[in-house]
């Protein structure tokens, strides 16, 4: 599943979810790199 996460106050990354961490953060993969951050919750 494709997910957007926030890394800082104004940096976000979109990638494929690798795993969910116990503290609510997500690990997403972009190419060969892994990024960890809080998921962006949007209103649909």
N, C-alpha and C. Protein backbone atom coordinates (compact mmCIF):
# COMPACT_ATOMS: atom_id res chain seq x y z
N UNK A 1 0.84 -1.17 0.00
CA UNK A 1 0.00 0.00 0.00
C UNK A 1 0.89 1.24 0.00
N UNK A 2 0.54 2.21 -0.82
CA UNK A 2 1.25 3.47 -0.89
C UNK A 2 0.80 4.37 0.25
N UNK A 3 1.76 4.99 0.95
CA UNK A 3 1.43 5.82 2.12
C UNK A 3 2.37 7.01 2.16
N UNK A 4 1.87 8.15 2.61
CA UNK A 4 2.68 9.35 2.83
C UNK A 4 2.96 9.47 4.32
N UNK A 5 4.23 9.75 4.65
CA UNK A 5 4.62 9.96 6.05
C UNK A 5 5.29 11.32 6.17
N UNK A 6 5.30 11.84 7.39
CA UNK A 6 5.95 13.12 7.69
C UNK A 6 7.23 12.83 8.44
N UNK A 7 8.35 13.41 7.95
CA UNK A 7 9.65 13.22 8.60
C UNK A 7 10.00 14.38 9.50
N UNK A 8 9.49 15.54 9.21
CA UNK A 8 9.78 16.74 9.99
C UNK A 8 8.61 17.69 9.86
N UNK A 9 8.84 18.95 10.18
CA UNK A 9 7.75 19.91 10.13
C UNK A 9 7.28 20.19 8.71
N UNK A 10 8.15 20.03 7.71
CA UNK A 10 7.73 20.34 6.34
C UNK A 10 8.31 19.35 5.32
N UNK A 11 8.72 18.18 5.76
CA UNK A 11 9.26 17.17 4.85
C UNK A 11 8.38 15.93 4.91
N UNK A 12 7.88 15.52 3.74
CA UNK A 12 7.07 14.30 3.67
C UNK A 12 7.63 13.40 2.58
N UNK A 13 7.35 12.10 2.72
CA UNK A 13 7.84 11.08 1.80
C UNK A 13 6.68 10.16 1.49
N UNK A 14 6.57 9.74 0.23
CA UNK A 14 5.53 8.80 -0.16
C UNK A 14 6.20 7.54 -0.70
N UNK A 15 5.79 6.39 -0.16
CA UNK A 15 6.37 5.13 -0.60
C UNK A 15 5.52 3.95 -0.17
N UNK A 16 6.03 2.77 -0.46
CA UNK A 16 5.34 1.54 -0.12
C UNK A 16 5.60 1.19 1.35
N UNK A 17 4.54 0.84 2.07
CA UNK A 17 4.66 0.52 3.49
C UNK A 17 5.42 -0.79 3.65
N UNK A 18 6.48 -0.75 4.46
CA UNK A 18 7.26 -1.94 4.80
C UNK A 18 6.74 -2.57 6.08
N UNK A 19 6.51 -1.73 7.10
CA UNK A 19 6.01 -2.23 8.39
C UNK A 19 5.48 -1.07 9.22
N UNK A 20 4.68 -1.44 10.22
CA UNK A 20 4.16 -0.49 11.19
C UNK A 20 4.89 -0.73 12.50
N UNK A 21 5.30 0.35 13.15
CA UNK A 21 6.01 0.25 14.43
C UNK A 21 5.03 0.38 15.58
N UNK A 22 5.36 -0.16 16.75
CA UNK A 22 4.45 -0.13 17.91
C UNK A 22 4.06 1.28 18.35
N UNK A 23 4.91 2.28 18.08
CA UNK A 23 4.61 3.65 18.51
C UNK A 23 3.75 4.43 17.51
N UNK A 24 3.27 3.76 16.45
CA UNK A 24 2.39 4.40 15.49
C UNK A 24 3.08 4.90 14.23
N UNK A 25 4.41 4.90 14.22
CA UNK A 25 5.14 5.33 13.02
C UNK A 25 5.11 4.23 11.97
N UNK A 26 5.35 4.62 10.71
CA UNK A 26 5.42 3.67 9.60
C UNK A 26 6.81 3.71 8.98
N UNK A 27 7.24 2.59 8.44
CA UNK A 27 8.47 2.51 7.66
C UNK A 27 8.03 2.32 6.20
N UNK A 28 8.46 3.25 5.33
CA UNK A 28 8.12 3.14 3.91
C UNK A 28 9.39 3.02 3.08
N UNK A 29 9.26 2.35 1.95
CA UNK A 29 10.39 2.14 1.04
C UNK A 29 10.21 3.00 -0.20
N UNK A 30 11.28 3.73 -0.53
CA UNK A 30 11.35 4.50 -1.77
C UNK A 30 12.61 4.03 -2.48
N UNK A 31 12.44 3.21 -3.50
CA UNK A 31 13.59 2.59 -4.15
C UNK A 31 14.27 1.65 -3.19
N UNK A 32 15.55 1.89 -2.91
CA UNK A 32 16.29 1.05 -1.97
C UNK A 32 16.36 1.66 -0.57
N UNK A 33 15.79 2.86 -0.39
CA UNK A 33 15.90 3.55 0.90
C UNK A 33 14.65 3.36 1.74
N UNK A 34 14.86 3.29 3.07
CA UNK A 34 13.76 3.18 4.02
C UNK A 34 13.67 4.48 4.81
N UNK A 35 12.43 4.95 5.03
CA UNK A 35 12.18 6.15 5.80
C UNK A 35 11.17 5.83 6.88
N UNK A 36 11.33 6.43 8.06
CA UNK A 36 10.42 6.22 9.19
C UNK A 36 9.82 7.55 9.58
N UNK A 37 8.48 7.55 9.75
CA UNK A 37 7.81 8.78 10.16
C UNK A 37 6.36 8.52 10.51
N UNK A 38 5.68 9.59 10.86
CA UNK A 38 4.26 9.50 11.23
C UNK A 38 3.40 9.55 9.96
N UNK A 39 2.36 8.73 9.91
CA UNK A 39 1.49 8.73 8.72
C UNK A 39 0.71 10.02 8.61
N UNK A 40 0.46 10.44 7.37
CA UNK A 40 -0.38 11.60 7.10
C UNK A 40 -1.83 11.11 7.03
N UNK A 41 -2.67 11.69 7.85
CA UNK A 41 -4.08 11.32 7.86
C UNK A 41 -4.85 12.40 7.11
N UNK A 42 -5.42 12.04 5.98
CA UNK A 42 -6.17 13.01 5.18
C UNK A 42 -7.66 12.80 5.30
N UNK A 43 -8.41 13.81 5.00
CA UNK A 43 -9.86 13.68 5.00
C UNK A 43 -10.32 13.35 3.59
N UNK A 44 -11.16 12.36 3.47
CA UNK A 44 -11.60 11.92 2.14
C UNK A 44 -13.01 12.39 1.86
